Amino acid sequence: NSVKGRVTISRDNAANTVDLEMNTLKPEDTAVYYCAA
């Protein structure tokens, strides 16, 4: 809920990547971000 509307996630299976697009960032978004499978 804290990021809904500001973040999108997408994957490219051919490239083996998953991306996180973050917009309208806030100071409370400051953190270490981890990818997980």
Full PDB file with SEQRES, HELIX, SHEET, SSBOND, CRYST1, ORIGX, SCALE, CONECT and MASTER records, all heavy atoms in Angstrom:
SEQRES   1 A   37  ASN SER VAL LYS GLY ARG VAL THR ILE SER ARG ASP ASN          
SEQRES   2 A   37  ALA ALA ASN THR VAL ASP LEU GLU MET ASN THR LEU LYS          
SEQRES   3 A   37  PRO GLU ASP THR ALA VAL TYR TYR CYS ALA ALA                  
HELIX    1 AA1 PRO A   27  ASP A   29  5                                   3    
SHEET    1 AA1 2 VAL A   7  ASP A  12  0                                        
SHEET    2 AA1 2 THR A  17  MET A  22 -1                                        
CRYST1    1.000    1.000    1.000  90.00  90.00  90.00 P 1           1          
ORIGX1      1.000000  0.000000  0.000000        0.00000                         
ORIGX2      0.000000  1.000000  0.000000        0.00000                         
ORIGX3      0.000000  0.000000  1.000000        0.00000                         
SCALE1      1.000000  0.000000  0.000000        0.00000                         
SCALE2      0.000000  1.000000  0.000000        0.00000                         
SCALE3      0.000000  0.000000  1.000000        0.00000                         
ATOM      1  N   ASN A   1       0.821  -1.212   0.000  1.00  0.00           N  
ATOM      2  CA  ASN A   1       0.000   0.000   0.000  1.00  0.00           C  
ATOM      3  C   ASN A   1       0.855   1.262   0.000  1.00  0.00           C  
ATOM      4  O   ASN A   1       0.474   2.275  -0.571  1.00  0.00           O  
ATOM      5  CB  ASN A   1      -0.928   0.003   1.212  1.00  0.00           C  
ATOM      6  CG  ASN A   1      -2.052  -0.999   1.086  1.00  0.00           C  
ATOM      7  OD1 ASN A   1      -2.444  -1.384  -0.022  1.00  0.00           O  
ATOM      8  ND2 ASN A   1      -2.568  -1.460   2.210  1.00  0.00           N  
ATOM      9  N   SER A   2       2.009   1.181   0.621  1.00  0.00           N  
ATOM     10  CA  SER A   2       2.873   2.351   0.760  1.00  0.00           C  
ATOM     11  C   SER A   2       3.442   2.831  -0.576  1.00  0.00           C  
ATOM     12  O   SER A   2       3.874   3.983  -0.683  1.00  0.00           O  
ATOM     13  CB  SER A   2       4.011   2.059   1.728  1.00  0.00           C  
ATOM     14  OG  SER A   2       4.774   0.959   1.274  1.00  0.00           O  
ATOM     15  N   VAL A   3       3.447   1.970  -1.570  1.00  0.00           N  
ATOM     16  CA  VAL A   3       4.025   2.351  -2.869  1.00  0.00           C  
ATOM     17  C   VAL A   3       3.020   2.275  -4.006  1.00  0.00           C  
ATOM     18  O   VAL A   3       3.334   2.675  -5.135  1.00  0.00           O  
ATOM     19  CB  VAL A   3       5.242   1.479  -3.221  1.00  0.00           C  
ATOM     20  CG1 VAL A   3       6.309   1.601  -2.147  1.00  0.00           C  
ATOM     21  CG2 VAL A   3       4.831   0.023  -3.436  1.00  0.00           C  
ATOM     22  N   LYS A   4       1.830   1.800  -3.736  1.00  0.00           N  
ATOM     23  CA  LYS A   4       0.834   1.611  -4.785  1.00  0.00           C  
ATOM     24  C   LYS A   4       0.567   2.932  -5.514  1.00  0.00           C  
ATOM     25  O   LYS A   4       0.377   3.972  -4.885  1.00  0.00           O  
ATOM     26  CB  LYS A   4      -0.449   1.057  -4.176  1.00  0.00           C  
ATOM     27  CG  LYS A   4      -1.401   0.426  -5.161  1.00  0.00           C  
ATOM     28  CD  LYS A   4      -2.542  -0.264  -4.444  1.00  0.00           C  
ATOM     29  CE  LYS A   4      -2.075  -1.442  -3.635  1.00  0.00           C  
ATOM     30  NZ  LYS A   4      -3.189  -2.160  -2.969  1.00  0.00           N  
ATOM     31  N   GLY A   5       0.569   2.865  -6.827  1.00  0.00           N  
ATOM     32  CA  GLY A   5       0.364   4.065  -7.638  1.00  0.00           C  
ATOM     33  C   GLY A   5       1.641   4.799  -7.974  1.00  0.00           C  
ATOM     34  O   GLY A   5       1.644   5.675  -8.849  1.00  0.00           O  
ATOM     35  N   ARG A   6       2.727   4.477  -7.290  1.00  0.00           N  
ATOM     36  CA  ARG A   6       4.010   5.149  -7.549  1.00  0.00           C  
ATOM     37  C   ARG A   6       5.051   4.202  -8.125  1.00  0.00           C  
ATOM     38  O   ARG A   6       6.097   4.651  -8.606  1.00  0.00           O  
ATOM     39  CB  ARG A   6       4.561   5.729  -6.247  1.00  0.00           C  
ATOM     40  CG  ARG A   6       3.668   6.748  -5.578  1.00  0.00           C  
ATOM     41  CD  ARG A   6       4.383   7.441  -4.415  1.00  0.00           C  
ATOM     42  NE  ARG A   6       4.687   6.554  -3.311  1.00  0.00           N  
ATOM     43  CZ  ARG A   6       5.925   6.325  -2.861  1.00  0.00           C  
ATOM     44  NH1 ARG A   6       6.955   6.925  -3.436  1.00  0.00           N  
ATOM     45  NH2 ARG A   6       6.120   5.521  -1.828  1.00  0.00           N  
ATOM     46  N   VAL A   7       4.758   2.924  -8.099  1.00  0.00           N  
ATOM     47  CA  VAL A   7       5.740   1.907  -8.468  1.00  0.00           C  
ATOM     48  C   VAL A   7       5.145   0.943  -9.492  1.00  0.00           C  
ATOM     49  O   VAL A   7       3.967   0.587  -9.407  1.00  0.00           O  
ATOM     50  CB  VAL A   7       6.170   1.129  -7.204  1.00  0.00           C  
ATOM     51  CG1 VAL A   7       6.900  -0.152  -7.559  1.00  0.00           C  
ATOM     52  CG2 VAL A   7       7.042   1.992  -6.320  1.00  0.00           C  
ATOM     53  N   THR A   8       5.954   0.538 -10.438  1.00  0.00           N  
ATOM     54  CA  THR A   8       5.570  -0.539 -11.344  1.00  0.00           C  
ATOM     55  C   THR A   8       6.665  -1.598 -11.338  1.00  0.00           C  
ATOM     56  O   THR A   8       7.841  -1.298 -11.089  1.00  0.00           O  
ATOM     57  CB  THR A   8       5.361  -0.037 -12.784  1.00  0.00           C  
ATOM     58  OG1 THR A   8       6.575   0.555 -13.256  1.00  0.00           O  
ATOM     59  CG2 THR A   8       4.239   0.985 -12.849  1.00  0.00           C  
ATOM     60  N   ILE A   9       6.269  -2.823 -11.595  1.00  0.00           N  
ATOM     61  CA  ILE A   9       7.216  -3.932 -11.677  1.00  0.00           C  
ATOM     62  C   ILE A   9       6.999  -4.645 -12.997  1.00  0.00           C  
ATOM     63  O   ILE A   9       5.867  -4.816 -13.448  1.00  0.00           O  
ATOM     64  CB  ILE A   9       7.047  -4.890 -10.470  1.00  0.00           C  
ATOM     65  CG1 ILE A   9       8.131  -5.968 -10.468  1.00  0.00           C  
ATOM     66  CG2 ILE A   9       5.649  -5.497 -10.433  1.00  0.00           C  
ATOM     67  CD1 ILE A   9       8.171  -6.804  -9.187  1.00  0.00           C  
ATOM     68  N   SER A  10       8.099  -5.052 -13.602  1.00  0.00           N  
ATOM     69  CA  SER A  10       7.996  -5.736 -14.878  1.00  0.00           C  
ATOM     70  C   SER A  10       9.119  -6.760 -14.974  1.00  0.00           C  
ATOM     71  O   SER A  10      10.134  -6.650 -14.282  1.00  0.00           O  
ATOM     72  CB  SER A  10       8.098  -4.734 -16.039  1.00  0.00           C  
ATOM     73  OG  SER A  10       9.319  -4.026 -15.990  1.00  0.00           O  
ATOM     74  N   ARG A  11       8.937  -7.739 -15.855  1.00  0.00           N  
ATOM     75  CA  ARG A  11       9.977  -8.747 -16.034  1.00  0.00           C  
ATOM     76  C   ARG A  11      10.215  -8.995 -17.507  1.00  0.00           C  
ATOM     77  O   ARG A  11       9.293  -8.863 -18.328  1.00  0.00           O  
ATOM     78  CB  ARG A  11       9.602 -10.050 -15.330  1.00  0.00           C  
ATOM     79  CG  ARG A  11       8.414 -10.792 -15.889  1.00  0.00           C  
ATOM     80  CD  ARG A  11       8.026 -11.972 -14.990  1.00  0.00           C  
ATOM     81  NE  ARG A  11       9.132 -12.928 -14.859  1.00  0.00           N  
ATOM     82  CZ  ARG A  11       9.271 -13.769 -13.825  1.00  0.00           C  
ATOM     83  NH1 ARG A  11       8.376 -13.760 -12.848  1.00  0.00           N  
ATOM     84  NH2 ARG A  11      10.279 -14.614 -13.770  1.00  0.00           N  
ATOM     85  N   ASP A  12      11.445  -9.346 -17.816  1.00  0.00           N  
ATOM     86  CA  ASP A  12      11.849  -9.703 -19.173  1.00  0.00           C  
ATOM     87  C   ASP A  12      12.507 -11.065 -19.076  1.00  0.00           C  
ATOM     88  O   ASP A  12      13.676 -11.172 -18.698  1.00  0.00           O  
ATOM     89  CB  ASP A  12      12.805  -8.649 -19.727  1.00  0.00           C  
ATOM     90  CG  ASP A  12      13.218  -8.920 -21.161  1.00  0.00           C  
ATOM     91  OD1 ASP A  12      13.066 -10.066 -21.627  1.00  0.00           O  
ATOM     92  OD2 ASP A  12      13.715  -8.000 -21.819  1.00  0.00           O  
ATOM     93  N   ASN A  13      11.770 -12.097 -19.403  1.00  0.00           N  
ATOM     94  CA  ASN A  13      12.293 -13.456 -19.235  1.00  0.00           C  
ATOM     95  C   ASN A  13      13.429 -13.772 -20.211  1.00  0.00           C  
ATOM     96  O   ASN A  13      14.288 -14.595 -19.910  1.00  0.00           O  
ATOM     97  CB  ASN A  13      11.166 -14.468 -19.396  1.00  0.00           C  
ATOM     98  CG  ASN A  13      10.148 -14.383 -18.272  1.00  0.00           C  
ATOM     99  OD1 ASN A  13      10.485 -14.036 -17.142  1.00  0.00           O  
ATOM    100  ND2 ASN A  13       8.896 -14.684 -18.585  1.00  0.00           N  
ATOM    101  N   ALA A  14      13.430 -13.132 -21.346  1.00  0.00           N  
ATOM    102  CA  ALA A  14      14.515 -13.356 -22.300  1.00  0.00           C  
ATOM    103  C   ALA A  14      15.834 -12.802 -21.776  1.00  0.00           C  
ATOM    104  O   ALA A  14      16.902 -13.358 -22.042  1.00  0.00           O  
ATOM    105  CB  ALA A  14      14.169 -12.718 -23.640  1.00  0.00           C  
ATOM    106  N   ALA A  15      15.747 -11.718 -21.018  1.00  0.00           N  
ATOM    107  CA  ALA A  15      16.946 -11.086 -20.476  1.00  0.00           C  
ATOM    108  C   ALA A  15      17.213 -11.491 -19.038  1.00  0.00           C  
ATOM    109  O   ALA A  15      18.218 -11.082 -18.450  1.00  0.00           O  
ATOM    110  CB  ALA A  15      16.824  -9.568 -20.556  1.00  0.00           C  
ATOM    111  N   ASN A  16      16.306 -12.290 -18.450  1.00  0.00           N  
ATOM    112  CA  ASN A  16      16.426 -12.710 -17.046  1.00  0.00           C  
ATOM    113  C   ASN A  16      16.477 -11.518 -16.099  1.00  0.00           C  
ATOM    114  O   ASN A  16      17.290 -11.482 -15.162  1.00  0.00           O  
ATOM    115  CB  ASN A  16      17.680 -13.580 -16.835  1.00  0.00           C  
ATOM    116  CG  ASN A  16      17.506 -14.981 -17.375  1.00  0.00           C  
ATOM    117  OD1 ASN A  16      16.491 -15.312 -17.964  1.00  0.00           O  
ATOM    118  ND2 ASN A  16      18.521 -15.806 -17.197  1.00  0.00           N  
ATOM    119  N   THR A  17      15.621 -10.547 -16.327  1.00  0.00           N  
ATOM    120  CA  THR A  17      15.612  -9.376 -15.472  1.00  0.00           C  
ATOM    121  C   THR A  17      14.209  -9.068 -14.945  1.00  0.00           C  
ATOM    122  O   THR A  17      13.205  -9.380 -15.588  1.00  0.00           O  
ATOM    123  CB  THR A  17      16.123  -8.134 -16.219  1.00  0.00           C  
ATOM    124  OG1 THR A  17      15.303  -7.900 -17.375  1.00  0.00           O  
ATOM    125  CG2 THR A  17      17.571  -8.299 -16.647  1.00  0.00           C  
ATOM    126  N   VAL A  18      14.186  -8.451 -13.791  1.00  0.00           N  
ATOM    127  CA  VAL A  18      12.961  -7.902 -13.235  1.00  0.00           C  
ATOM    128  C   VAL A  18      13.277  -6.486 -12.777  1.00  0.00           C  
ATOM    129  O   VAL A  18      14.267  -6.257 -12.092  1.00  0.00           O  
ATOM    130  CB  VAL A  18      12.398  -8.766 -12.089  1.00  0.00           C  
ATOM    131  CG1 VAL A  18      13.394  -8.949 -10.968  1.00  0.00           C  
ATOM    132  CG2 VAL A  18      11.097  -8.178 -11.570  1.00  0.00           C  
ATOM    133  N   ASP A  19      12.472  -5.534 -13.208  1.00  0.00           N  
ATOM    134  CA  ASP A  19      12.715  -4.135 -12.935  1.00  0.00           C  
ATOM    135  C   ASP A  19      11.661  -3.555 -12.005  1.00  0.00           C  
ATOM    136  O   ASP A  19      10.493  -3.953 -12.039  1.00  0.00           O  
ATOM    137  CB  ASP A  19      12.718  -3.335 -14.241  1.00  0.00           C  
ATOM    138  CG  ASP A  19      13.917  -3.649 -15.102  1.00  0.00           C  
ATOM    139  OD1 ASP A  19      14.848  -4.334 -14.614  1.00  0.00           O  
ATOM    140  OD2 ASP A  19      13.932  -3.217 -16.261  1.00  0.00           O  
ATOM    141  N   LEU A  20      12.095  -2.584 -11.235  1.00  0.00           N  
ATOM    142  CA  LEU A  20      11.193  -1.845 -10.354  1.00  0.00           C  
ATOM    143  C   LEU A  20      11.338  -0.368 -10.694  1.00  0.00           C  
ATOM    144  O   LEU A  20      12.395   0.227 -10.475  1.00  0.00           O  
ATOM    145  CB  LEU A  20      11.565  -2.084  -8.888  1.00  0.00           C  
ATOM    146  CG  LEU A  20      10.615  -1.488  -7.856  1.00  0.00           C  
ATOM    147  CD1 LEU A  20       9.315  -2.295  -7.833  1.00  0.00           C  
ATOM    148  CD2 LEU A  20      11.258  -1.489  -6.472  1.00  0.00           C  
ATOM    149  N   GLU A  21      10.294   0.188 -11.252  1.00  0.00           N  
ATOM    150  CA  GLU A  21      10.268   1.610 -11.598  1.00  0.00           C  
ATOM    151  C   GLU A  21       9.579   2.360 -10.473  1.00  0.00           C  
ATOM    152  O   GLU A  21       8.425   2.066 -10.144  1.00  0.00           O  
ATOM    153  CB  GLU A  21       9.514   1.821 -12.911  1.00  0.00           C  
ATOM    154  CG  GLU A  21       9.413   3.267 -13.367  1.00  0.00           C  
ATOM    155  CD  GLU A  21      10.691   3.773 -14.009  1.00  0.00           C  
ATOM    156  OE1 GLU A  21      11.414   2.954 -14.601  1.00  0.00           O  
ATOM    157  OE2 GLU A  21      10.961   4.984 -13.904  1.00  0.00           O  
ATOM    158  N   MET A  22      10.300   3.299  -9.872  1.00  0.00           N  
ATOM    159  CA  MET A  22       9.757   4.039  -8.739  1.00  0.00           C  
ATOM    160  C   MET A  22       9.667   5.518  -9.078  1.00  0.00           C  
ATOM    161  O   MET A  22      10.660   6.126  -9.491  1.00  0.00           O  
ATOM    162  CB  MET A  22      10.642   3.842  -7.503  1.00  0.00           C  
ATOM    163  CG  MET A  22      10.806   2.381  -7.106  1.00  0.00           C  
ATOM    164  SD  MET A  22      11.673   2.192  -5.541  1.00  0.00           S  
ATOM    165  CE  MET A  22      13.300   2.780  -5.996  1.00  0.00           C  
ATOM    166  N   ASN A  23       8.507   6.081  -8.904  1.00  0.00           N  
ATOM    167  CA  ASN A  23       8.262   7.483  -9.200  1.00  0.00           C  
ATOM    168  C   ASN A  23       7.779   8.222  -7.957  1.00  0.00           C  
ATOM    169  O   ASN A  23       7.378   7.595  -6.969  1.00  0.00           O  
ATOM    170  CB  ASN A  23       7.217   7.595 -10.312  1.00  0.00           C  
ATOM    171  CG  ASN A  23       7.640   6.902 -11.587  1.00  0.00           C  
ATOM    172  OD1 ASN A  23       8.689   7.197 -12.145  1.00  0.00           O  
ATOM    173  ND2 ASN A  23       6.830   5.963 -12.047  1.00  0.00           N  
ATOM    174  N   THR A  24       7.812   9.535  -8.042  1.00  0.00           N  
ATOM    175  CA  THR A  24       7.365  10.381  -6.928  1.00  0.00           C  
ATOM    176  C   THR A  24       7.952   9.880  -5.605  1.00  0.00           C  
ATOM    177  O   THR A  24       7.245   9.642  -4.620  1.00  0.00           O  
ATOM    178  CB  THR A  24       5.824  10.405  -6.848  1.00  0.00           C  
ATOM    179  OG1 THR A  24       5.258  10.476  -8.159  1.00  0.00           O  
ATOM    180  CG2 THR A  24       5.347  11.630  -6.074  1.00  0.00           C  
ATOM    181  N   LEU A  25       9.248   9.703  -5.608  1.00  0.00           N  
ATOM    182  CA  LEU A  25       9.914   9.136  -4.436  1.00  0.00           C  
ATOM    183  C   LEU A  25       9.822  10.073  -3.245  1.00  0.00           C  
ATOM    184  O   LEU A  25       9.829  11.306  -3.382  1.00  0.00           O  
ATOM    185  CB  LEU A  25      11.362   8.830  -4.761  1.00  0.00           C  
ATOM    186  CG  LEU A  25      11.559   7.551  -5.597  1.00  0.00           C  
ATOM    187  CD1 LEU A  25      12.919   7.542  -6.261  1.00  0.00           C  
ATOM    188  CD2 LEU A  25      11.361   6.320  -4.738  1.00  0.00           C  
ATOM    189  N   LYS A  26       9.761   9.463  -2.063  1.00  0.00           N  
ATOM    190  CA  LYS A  26       9.654  10.180  -0.800  1.00  0.00           C  
ATOM    191  C   LYS A  26      10.839   9.819   0.089  1.00  0.00           C  
ATOM    192  O   LYS A  26      11.415   8.735  -0.066  1.00  0.00           O  
ATOM    193  CB  LYS A  26       8.360   9.784  -0.090  1.00  0.00           C  
ATOM    194  CG  LYS A  26       7.097   9.964  -0.910  1.00  0.00           C  
ATOM    195  CD  LYS A  26       5.889   9.434  -0.165  1.00  0.00           C  
ATOM    196  CE  LYS A  26       4.615   9.573  -0.992  1.00  0.00           C  
ATOM    197  NZ  LYS A  26       3.428   9.053  -0.257  1.00  0.00           N  
ATOM    198  N   PRO A  27      11.199  10.681   1.021  1.00  0.00           N  
ATOM    199  CA  PRO A  27      12.298  10.335   1.947  1.00  0.00           C  
ATOM    200  C   PRO A  27      12.071   9.002   2.654  1.00  0.00           C  
ATOM    201  O   PRO A  27      13.039   8.272   2.914  1.00  0.00           O  
ATOM    202  CB  PRO A  27      12.297  11.508   2.921  1.00  0.00           C  
ATOM    203  CG  PRO A  27      11.789  12.659   2.115  1.00  0.00           C  
ATOM    204  CD  PRO A  27      10.734  12.055   1.218  1.00  0.00           C  
ATOM    205  N   GLU A  28      10.836   8.651   2.919  1.00  0.00           N  
ATOM    206  CA  GLU A  28      10.551   7.386   3.603  1.00  0.00           C  
ATOM    207  C   GLU A  28      10.760   6.167   2.700  1.00  0.00           C  
ATOM    208  O   GLU A  28      10.681   5.032   3.161  1.00  0.00           O  
ATOM    209  CB  GLU A  28       9.137   7.370   4.179  1.00  0.00           C  
ATOM    210  CG  GLU A  28       8.046   7.762   3.212  1.00  0.00           C  
ATOM    211  CD  GLU A  28       7.662   9.233   3.342  1.00  0.00           C  
ATOM    212  OE1 GLU A  28       8.575  10.086   3.463  1.00  0.00           O  
ATOM    213  OE2 GLU A  28       6.446   9.518   3.290  1.00  0.00           O  
ATOM    214  N   ASP A  29      11.047   6.399   1.434  1.00  0.00           N  
ATOM    215  CA  ASP A  29      11.416   5.296   0.544  1.00  0.00           C  
ATOM    216  C   ASP A  29      12.894   4.934   0.679  1.00  0.00           C  
ATOM    217  O   ASP A  29      13.347   3.953   0.067  1.00  0.00           O  
ATOM    218  CB  ASP A  29      11.120   5.645  -0.912  1.00  0.00           C  
ATOM    219  CG  ASP A  29       9.634   5.810  -1.186  1.00  0.00           C  
ATOM    220  OD1 ASP A  29       8.847   4.970  -0.689  1.00  0.00           O  
ATOM    221  OD2 ASP A  29       9.265   6.760  -1.902  1.00  0.00           O  
ATOM    222  N   THR A  30      13.632   5.696   1.423  1.00  0.00           N  
ATOM    223  CA  THR A  30      15.054   5.424   1.625  1.00  0.00           C  
ATOM    224  C   THR A  30      15.236   4.083   2.309  1.00  0.00           C  
ATOM    225  O   THR A  30      14.667   3.830   3.376  1.00  0.00           O  
ATOM    226  CB  THR A  30      15.693   6.538   2.474  1.00  0.00           C  
ATOM    227  OG1 THR A  30      15.644   7.763   1.746  1.00  0.00           O  
ATOM    228  CG2 THR A  30      17.135   6.194   2.811  1.00  0.00           C  
ATOM    229  N   ALA A  31      16.030   3.216   1.686  1.00  0.00           N  
ATOM    230  CA  ALA A  31      16.243   1.866   2.207  1.00  0.00           C  
ATOM    231  C   ALA A  31      17.214   1.136   1.294  1.00  0.00           C  
ATOM    232  O   ALA A  31      17.546   1.619   0.200  1.00  0.00           O  
ATOM    233  CB  ALA A  31      14.921   1.094   2.263  1.00  0.00           C  
ATOM    234  N   VAL A  32      17.625  -0.024   1.744  1.00  0.00           N  
ATOM    235  CA  VAL A  32      18.309  -0.963   0.865  1.00  0.00           C  
ATOM    236  C   VAL A  32      17.216  -1.824   0.217  1.00  0.00           C  
ATOM    237  O   VAL A  32      16.367  -2.387   0.911  1.00  0.00           O  
ATOM    238  CB  VAL A  32      19.303  -1.847   1.629  1.00  0.00           C  
ATOM    239  CG1 VAL A  32      19.942  -2.863   0.678  1.00  0.00           C  
ATOM    240  CG2 VAL A  32      20.372  -0.998   2.294  1.00  0.00           C  
ATOM    241  N   TYR A  33      17.261  -1.911  -1.102  1.00  0.00           N  
ATOM    242  CA  TYR A  33      16.246  -2.648  -1.852  1.00  0.00           C  
ATOM    243  C   TYR A  33      16.834  -3.988  -2.297  1.00  0.00           C  
ATOM    244  O   TYR A  33      17.937  -4.038  -2.855  1.00  0.00           O  
ATOM    245  CB  TYR A  33      15.784  -1.840  -3.051  1.00  0.00           C  
ATOM    246  CG  TYR A  33      14.825  -0.742  -2.664  1.00  0.00           C  
ATOM    247  CD1 TYR A  33      15.262   0.375  -1.960  1.00  0.00           C  
ATOM    248  CD2 TYR A  33      13.468  -0.824  -2.976  1.00  0.00           C  
ATOM    249  CE1 TYR A  33      14.374   1.369  -1.576  1.00  0.00           C  
ATOM    250  CE2 TYR A  33      12.576   0.169  -2.601  1.00  0.00           C  
ATOM    251  CZ  TYR A  33      13.031   1.266  -1.894  1.00  0.00           C  
ATOM    252  OH  TYR A  33      12.151   2.246  -1.508  1.00  0.00           O  
ATOM    253  N   TYR A  34      16.051  -5.036  -2.050  1.00  0.00           N  
ATOM    254  CA  TYR A  34      16.475  -6.391  -2.357  1.00  0.00           C  
ATOM    255  C   TYR A  34      15.549  -7.036  -3.385  1.00  0.00           C  
ATOM    256  O   TYR A  34      14.325  -6.919  -3.286  1.00  0.00           O  
ATOM    257  CB  TYR A  34      16.465  -7.258  -1.102  1.00  0.00           C  
ATOM    258  CG  TYR A  34      17.410  -6.811  -0.021  1.00  0.00           C  
ATOM    259  CD1 TYR A  34      16.998  -5.924   0.971  1.00  0.00           C  
ATOM    260  CD2 TYR A  34      18.723  -7.286   0.019  1.00  0.00           C  
ATOM    261  CE1 TYR A  34      17.866  -5.518   1.971  1.00  0.00           C  
ATOM    262  CE2 TYR A  34      19.595  -6.885   1.016  1.00  0.00           C  
ATOM    263  CZ  TYR A  34      19.153  -6.000   1.986  1.00  0.00           C  
ATOM    264  OH  TYR A  34      20.017  -5.602   2.975  1.00  0.00           O  
ATOM    265  N   CYS A  35      16.147  -7.742  -4.299  1.00  0.00           N  
ATOM    266  CA  CYS A  35      15.412  -8.567  -5.250  1.00  0.00           C  
ATOM    267  C   CYS A  35      15.341  -9.983  -4.680  1.00  0.00           C  
ATOM    268  O   CYS A  35      16.298 -10.443  -4.042  1.00  0.00           O  
ATOM    269  CB  CYS A  35      16.172  -8.549  -6.576  1.00  0.00           C  
ATOM    270  SG  CYS A  35      15.566  -9.668  -7.839  1.00  0.00           S  
ATOM    271  N   ALA A  36      14.223 -10.656  -4.903  1.00  0.00           N  
ATOM    272  CA  ALA A  36      14.067 -12.003  -4.361  1.00  0.00           C  
ATOM    273  C   ALA A  36      13.306 -12.887  -5.340  1.00  0.00           C  
ATOM    274  O   ALA A  36      12.441 -12.406  -6.087  1.00  0.00           O  
ATOM    275  CB  ALA A  36      13.328 -11.952  -3.024  1.00  0.00           C  
ATOM    276  N   ALA A  37      13.614 -14.163  -5.310  1.00  0.00           N  
ATOM    277  CA  ALA A  37      12.929 -15.153  -6.151  1.00  0.00           C  
ATOM    278  C   ALA A  37      12.156 -16.115  -5.262  1.00  0.00           C  
ATOM    279  O   ALA A  37      12.689 -16.616  -4.271  1.00  0.00           O  
ATOM    280  CB  ALA A  37      13.937 -15.915  -7.010  1.00  0.00           C  
TER     281      ALA A  37                                                      
MASTER        0    0    0    1    2    0    0    6  280    1    0    3          
END                                                                             
